[in-house]
């Protein structure tokens, strides 16, 4: 949980990995929804929900979550071999976990 209000990135039109992955797998209709709504500063809750449906239905959310898990595991494994103190490794591991934990 980042603490950001729901839909902020969508209203700002941020071209995140999530959006890119959604567009890769989108149907023409889903692409039209993204083109019409992404980046609209006045996007209402209904518009946010329509965009979320595209993100979920294209499996972009699942793909990004899998990528986060993969990269976090790689990072934690690298910490095991890093030439740093055990305290530093623990602190970095805790930070990595906190930064990537998701509330579902």
N, C-alpha and C. Protein backbone atom coordinates (compact mmCIF):
# COMPACT_ATOMS: atom_id res chain seq x y z
N UNK A 1 0.85 -1.17 0.00
CA UNK A 1 0.00 0.00 0.00
C UNK A 1 0.90 1.23 0.00
N UNK A 2 0.68 2.10 -0.95
CA UNK A 2 1.52 3.29 -1.04
C UNK A 2 0.91 4.47 -0.31
N UNK A 3 -0.37 4.40 -0.02
CA UNK A 3 -1.02 5.53 0.61
C UNK A 3 -1.53 6.55 -0.40
N UNK A 4 -1.30 6.27 -1.69
CA UNK A 4 -1.79 7.18 -2.73
C UNK A 4 -3.27 6.93 -2.96
N UNK A 5 -4.02 7.98 -3.25
CA UNK A 5 -5.43 7.78 -3.56
C UNK A 5 -5.61 6.91 -4.79
N UNK A 6 -6.63 6.08 -4.75
CA UNK A 6 -6.92 5.19 -5.88
C UNK A 6 -7.16 6.00 -7.14
N UNK A 7 -6.52 5.60 -8.21
CA UNK A 7 -6.75 6.24 -9.50
C UNK A 7 -5.83 7.39 -9.84
N UNK A 8 -4.96 7.81 -8.92
CA UNK A 8 -4.08 8.96 -9.19
C UNK A 8 -3.22 8.75 -10.44
N UNK A 9 -2.56 7.60 -10.54
CA UNK A 9 -1.71 7.34 -11.71
C UNK A 9 -2.53 7.31 -12.99
N UNK A 10 -3.76 6.81 -12.89
CA UNK A 10 -4.64 6.75 -14.07
C UNK A 10 -5.06 8.16 -14.48
N UNK A 11 -5.40 8.99 -13.51
CA UNK A 11 -5.78 10.38 -13.82
C UNK A 11 -4.60 11.16 -14.40
N UNK A 12 -3.41 10.86 -13.92
CA UNK A 12 -2.22 11.55 -14.40
C UNK A 12 -1.74 11.02 -15.74
N UNK A 13 -2.27 9.86 -16.14
CA UNK A 13 -1.88 9.29 -17.43
C UNK A 13 -0.50 8.67 -17.43
N UNK A 14 -0.04 8.23 -16.29
CA UNK A 14 1.30 7.65 -16.20
C UNK A 14 1.36 6.37 -17.04
N UNK A 15 2.38 6.29 -17.86
CA UNK A 15 2.60 5.11 -18.72
C UNK A 15 3.49 4.13 -17.95
N UNK A 16 2.87 3.46 -17.00
CA UNK A 16 3.58 2.52 -16.15
C UNK A 16 3.73 1.17 -16.84
N UNK A 17 4.52 0.29 -16.24
CA UNK A 17 4.64 -1.08 -16.75
C UNK A 17 3.27 -1.74 -16.76
N UNK A 18 2.45 -1.45 -15.78
CA UNK A 18 1.11 -2.01 -15.70
C UNK A 18 0.28 -1.62 -16.93
N UNK A 19 0.31 -0.35 -17.29
CA UNK A 19 -0.43 0.12 -18.46
C UNK A 19 0.14 -0.50 -19.72
N UNK A 20 1.46 -0.55 -19.83
CA UNK A 20 2.09 -1.13 -21.02
C UNK A 20 1.70 -2.59 -21.19
N UNK A 21 1.70 -3.33 -20.12
CA UNK A 21 1.34 -4.74 -20.20
C UNK A 21 -0.13 -4.91 -20.54
N UNK A 22 -0.97 -4.03 -20.01
CA UNK A 22 -2.40 -4.08 -20.34
C UNK A 22 -2.60 -3.83 -21.83
N UNK A 23 -1.93 -2.84 -22.36
CA UNK A 23 -2.08 -2.52 -23.78
C UNK A 23 -1.56 -3.64 -24.68
N UNK A 24 -0.52 -4.34 -24.24
CA UNK A 24 0.00 -5.48 -25.01
C UNK A 24 -1.06 -6.55 -25.20
N UNK A 25 -1.85 -6.78 -24.16
CA UNK A 25 -2.84 -7.85 -24.22
C UNK A 25 -4.26 -7.40 -24.46
N UNK A 26 -4.45 -6.13 -24.72
CA UNK A 26 -5.81 -5.56 -24.83
C UNK A 26 -6.46 -5.88 -26.17
N UNK A 27 -7.77 -6.05 -26.09
CA UNK A 27 -8.56 -6.11 -27.31
C UNK A 27 -8.70 -4.69 -27.85
N UNK A 28 -9.26 -4.57 -29.04
CA UNK A 28 -9.47 -3.23 -29.60
C UNK A 28 -10.39 -2.40 -28.69
N UNK A 29 -11.44 -3.03 -28.17
CA UNK A 29 -12.37 -2.32 -27.28
C UNK A 29 -11.66 -1.87 -26.00
N UNK A 30 -10.85 -2.74 -25.43
CA UNK A 30 -10.12 -2.38 -24.21
C UNK A 30 -9.13 -1.25 -24.49
N UNK A 31 -8.50 -1.29 -25.64
CA UNK A 31 -7.57 -0.23 -26.03
C UNK A 31 -8.30 1.11 -26.14
N UNK A 32 -9.51 1.08 -26.67
CA UNK A 32 -10.30 2.32 -26.78
C UNK A 32 -10.63 2.88 -25.39
N UNK A 33 -10.94 1.99 -24.46
CA UNK A 33 -11.23 2.43 -23.09
C UNK A 33 -10.00 3.12 -22.49
N UNK A 34 -8.84 2.50 -22.65
CA UNK A 34 -7.60 3.09 -22.12
C UNK A 34 -7.32 4.43 -22.80
N UNK A 35 -7.42 4.47 -24.12
CA UNK A 35 -7.16 5.71 -24.85
C UNK A 35 -8.12 6.83 -24.43
N UNK A 36 -9.36 6.47 -24.16
CA UNK A 36 -10.37 7.48 -23.82
C UNK A 36 -10.24 7.99 -22.39
N UNK A 37 -9.80 7.12 -21.47
CA UNK A 37 -9.86 7.48 -20.05
C UNK A 37 -8.51 7.78 -19.41
N UNK A 38 -7.45 7.12 -19.83
CA UNK A 38 -6.16 7.32 -19.20
C UNK A 38 -5.68 8.76 -19.40
N UNK A 39 -5.34 9.41 -18.31
CA UNK A 39 -4.84 10.78 -18.37
C UNK A 39 -5.90 11.84 -18.24
N UNK A 40 -7.13 11.44 -17.95
CA UNK A 40 -8.21 12.41 -17.76
C UNK A 40 -8.18 12.89 -16.31
N UNK A 41 -7.80 14.14 -16.06
CA UNK A 41 -7.70 14.61 -14.68
C UNK A 41 -9.05 14.63 -13.95
N UNK A 42 -10.13 14.61 -14.69
CA UNK A 42 -11.47 14.61 -14.09
C UNK A 42 -12.06 13.20 -14.02
N UNK A 43 -11.22 12.19 -14.18
CA UNK A 43 -11.69 10.80 -14.18
C UNK A 43 -12.44 10.50 -12.89
N UNK A 44 -13.68 10.03 -13.03
CA UNK A 44 -14.49 9.71 -11.86
C UNK A 44 -14.29 8.25 -11.46
N UNK A 45 -14.97 7.85 -10.39
CA UNK A 45 -14.83 6.49 -9.88
C UNK A 45 -15.23 5.44 -10.91
N UNK A 46 -16.24 5.74 -11.72
CA UNK A 46 -16.67 4.80 -12.76
C UNK A 46 -15.56 4.62 -13.80
N UNK A 47 -14.93 5.70 -14.18
CA UNK A 47 -13.83 5.63 -15.14
C UNK A 47 -12.65 4.87 -14.57
N UNK A 48 -12.34 5.10 -13.30
CA UNK A 48 -11.26 4.36 -12.64
C UNK A 48 -11.59 2.87 -12.67
N UNK A 49 -12.83 2.53 -12.37
CA UNK A 49 -13.24 1.13 -12.37
C UNK A 49 -13.14 0.51 -13.76
N UNK A 50 -13.51 1.25 -14.79
CA UNK A 50 -13.40 0.73 -16.16
C UNK A 50 -11.94 0.44 -16.50
N UNK A 51 -11.05 1.34 -16.12
CA UNK A 51 -9.63 1.11 -16.38
C UNK A 51 -9.11 -0.07 -15.57
N UNK A 52 -9.53 -0.17 -14.33
CA UNK A 52 -9.11 -1.31 -13.50
C UNK A 52 -9.56 -2.63 -14.12
N UNK A 53 -10.75 -2.66 -14.66
CA UNK A 53 -11.24 -3.88 -15.31
C UNK A 53 -10.33 -4.28 -16.46
N UNK A 54 -9.89 -3.31 -17.24
CA UNK A 54 -8.96 -3.61 -18.34
C UNK A 54 -7.65 -4.16 -17.79
N UNK A 55 -7.13 -3.53 -16.74
CA UNK A 55 -5.87 -3.97 -16.14
C UNK A 55 -5.96 -5.39 -15.61
N UNK A 56 -7.10 -5.74 -15.04
CA UNK A 56 -7.30 -7.09 -14.51
C UNK A 56 -7.59 -8.08 -15.63
N UNK A 57 -8.50 -7.73 -16.52
CA UNK A 57 -8.92 -8.66 -17.58
C UNK A 57 -7.81 -9.00 -18.56
N UNK A 58 -6.86 -8.10 -18.76
CA UNK A 58 -5.73 -8.37 -19.65
C UNK A 58 -4.61 -9.12 -18.93
N UNK A 59 -4.83 -9.40 -17.64
CA UNK A 59 -3.86 -10.09 -16.78
C UNK A 59 -2.62 -9.25 -16.52
N UNK A 60 -2.68 -7.96 -16.81
CA UNK A 60 -1.55 -7.07 -16.54
C UNK A 60 -1.24 -7.03 -15.05
N UNK A 61 -2.25 -7.01 -14.22
CA UNK A 61 -2.04 -6.97 -12.77
C UNK A 61 -1.28 -8.22 -12.34
N UNK A 62 -1.72 -9.38 -12.81
CA UNK A 62 -1.05 -10.63 -12.45
C UNK A 62 0.39 -10.64 -12.93
N UNK A 63 0.63 -10.15 -14.13
CA UNK A 63 1.98 -10.14 -14.69
C UNK A 63 2.90 -9.21 -13.89
N UNK A 64 2.40 -8.04 -13.51
CA UNK A 64 3.21 -7.11 -12.73
C UNK A 64 3.49 -7.67 -11.34
N UNK A 65 2.49 -8.27 -10.72
CA UNK A 65 2.70 -8.87 -9.40
C UNK A 65 3.74 -9.98 -9.47
N UNK A 66 3.70 -10.80 -10.51
CA UNK A 66 4.68 -11.86 -10.69
C UNK A 66 6.08 -11.28 -10.89
N UNK A 67 6.17 -10.21 -11.65
CA UNK A 67 7.45 -9.55 -11.88
C UNK A 67 8.01 -8.98 -10.58
N UNK A 68 7.15 -8.38 -9.78
CA UNK A 68 7.58 -7.84 -8.48
C UNK A 68 8.10 -8.97 -7.58
N UNK A 69 7.37 -10.08 -7.52
CA UNK A 69 7.80 -11.21 -6.70
C UNK A 69 9.14 -11.75 -7.18
N UNK A 70 9.30 -11.87 -8.50
CA UNK A 70 10.54 -12.39 -9.08
C UNK A 70 11.72 -11.48 -8.74
N UNK A 71 11.54 -10.20 -8.96
CA UNK A 71 12.63 -9.25 -8.70
C UNK A 71 12.96 -9.15 -7.21
N UNK A 72 11.95 -9.23 -6.37
CA UNK A 72 12.19 -9.20 -4.92
C UNK A 72 12.99 -10.43 -4.50
N UNK A 73 12.62 -11.59 -5.00
CA UNK A 73 13.35 -12.82 -4.67
C UNK A 73 14.80 -12.72 -5.13
N UNK A 74 15.02 -12.20 -6.33
CA UNK A 74 16.39 -12.03 -6.84
C UNK A 74 17.18 -11.07 -5.95
N UNK A 75 16.54 -10.01 -5.53
CA UNK A 75 17.21 -9.02 -4.67
C UNK A 75 17.56 -9.60 -3.31
N UNK A 76 16.64 -10.35 -2.74
CA UNK A 76 16.91 -10.95 -1.43
C UNK A 76 18.02 -11.99 -1.54
N UNK A 77 18.05 -12.74 -2.64
CA UNK A 77 19.12 -13.72 -2.85
C UNK A 77 20.47 -13.01 -3.00
N UNK A 78 20.47 -11.89 -3.68
CA UNK A 78 21.72 -11.13 -3.86
C UNK A 78 22.22 -10.60 -2.52
N UNK A 79 21.31 -10.26 -1.62
CA UNK A 79 21.73 -9.79 -0.30
C UNK A 79 22.49 -10.85 0.47
N UNK A 80 22.13 -12.12 0.25
CA UNK A 80 22.83 -13.21 0.93
C UNK A 80 24.31 -13.25 0.58
N UNK A 81 24.65 -12.79 -0.62
CA UNK A 81 26.04 -12.84 -1.10
C UNK A 81 26.73 -11.47 -1.03
N UNK A 82 26.00 -10.46 -0.64
CA UNK A 82 26.55 -9.10 -0.65
C UNK A 82 27.62 -8.93 0.44
N UNK A 83 28.67 -8.20 0.12
CA UNK A 83 29.73 -7.98 1.11
C UNK A 83 29.36 -6.86 2.08
N UNK A 84 28.31 -7.10 2.87
CA UNK A 84 27.83 -6.11 3.84
C UNK A 84 27.61 -6.81 5.17
N UNK A 85 27.43 -6.03 6.20
CA UNK A 85 27.21 -6.61 7.53
C UNK A 85 25.85 -7.29 7.59
N UNK A 86 25.71 -8.27 8.46
CA UNK A 86 24.41 -8.93 8.61
C UNK A 86 23.30 -7.93 8.98
N UNK A 87 23.65 -6.92 9.77
CA UNK A 87 22.64 -5.92 10.16
C UNK A 87 22.17 -5.13 8.94
N UNK A 88 23.10 -4.77 8.07
CA UNK A 88 22.74 -4.04 6.85
C UNK A 88 21.89 -4.91 5.94
N UNK A 89 22.26 -6.18 5.82
CA UNK A 89 21.50 -7.11 4.97
C UNK A 89 20.08 -7.26 5.50
N UNK A 90 19.94 -7.37 6.79
CA UNK A 90 18.60 -7.48 7.39
C UNK A 90 17.79 -6.22 7.14
N UNK A 91 18.40 -5.07 7.34
CA UNK A 91 17.70 -3.80 7.13
C UNK A 91 17.25 -3.66 5.68
N UNK A 92 18.12 -4.02 4.75
CA UNK A 92 17.77 -3.93 3.32
C UNK A 92 16.69 -4.94 2.95
N UNK A 93 16.77 -6.14 3.52
CA UNK A 93 15.75 -7.15 3.26
C UNK A 93 14.39 -6.69 3.79
N UNK A 94 14.40 -6.11 4.98
CA UNK A 94 13.15 -5.59 5.55
C UNK A 94 12.58 -4.47 4.68
N UNK A 95 13.44 -3.61 4.19
CA UNK A 95 13.01 -2.51 3.33
C UNK A 95 12.43 -3.04 2.02
N UNK A 96 13.10 -4.03 1.42
CA UNK A 96 12.61 -4.61 0.17
C UNK A 96 11.23 -5.24 0.38
N UNK A 97 11.07 -5.93 1.48
CA UNK A 97 9.79 -6.57 1.77
C UNK A 97 8.70 -5.53 1.99
N UNK A 98 9.02 -4.51 2.77
CA UNK A 98 8.03 -3.45 3.04
C UNK A 98 7.64 -2.70 1.77
N UNK A 99 8.60 -2.48 0.88
CA UNK A 99 8.34 -1.73 -0.34
C UNK A 99 7.53 -2.51 -1.36
N UNK A 100 7.53 -3.83 -1.25
CA UNK A 100 6.86 -4.63 -2.27
C UNK A 100 5.65 -5.39 -1.75
N UNK A 101 5.37 -5.32 -0.46
CA UNK A 101 4.21 -6.00 0.10
C UNK A 101 2.93 -5.36 -0.42
N UNK A 102 1.99 -6.18 -0.76
CA UNK A 102 0.72 -5.70 -1.31
C UNK A 102 -0.43 -6.09 -0.39
N UNK A 103 -1.35 -5.18 -0.21
CA UNK A 103 -2.58 -5.47 0.52
C UNK A 103 -3.64 -5.83 -0.51
N UNK A 104 -4.21 -6.98 -0.38
CA UNK A 104 -5.21 -7.43 -1.37
C UNK A 104 -6.60 -7.34 -0.82
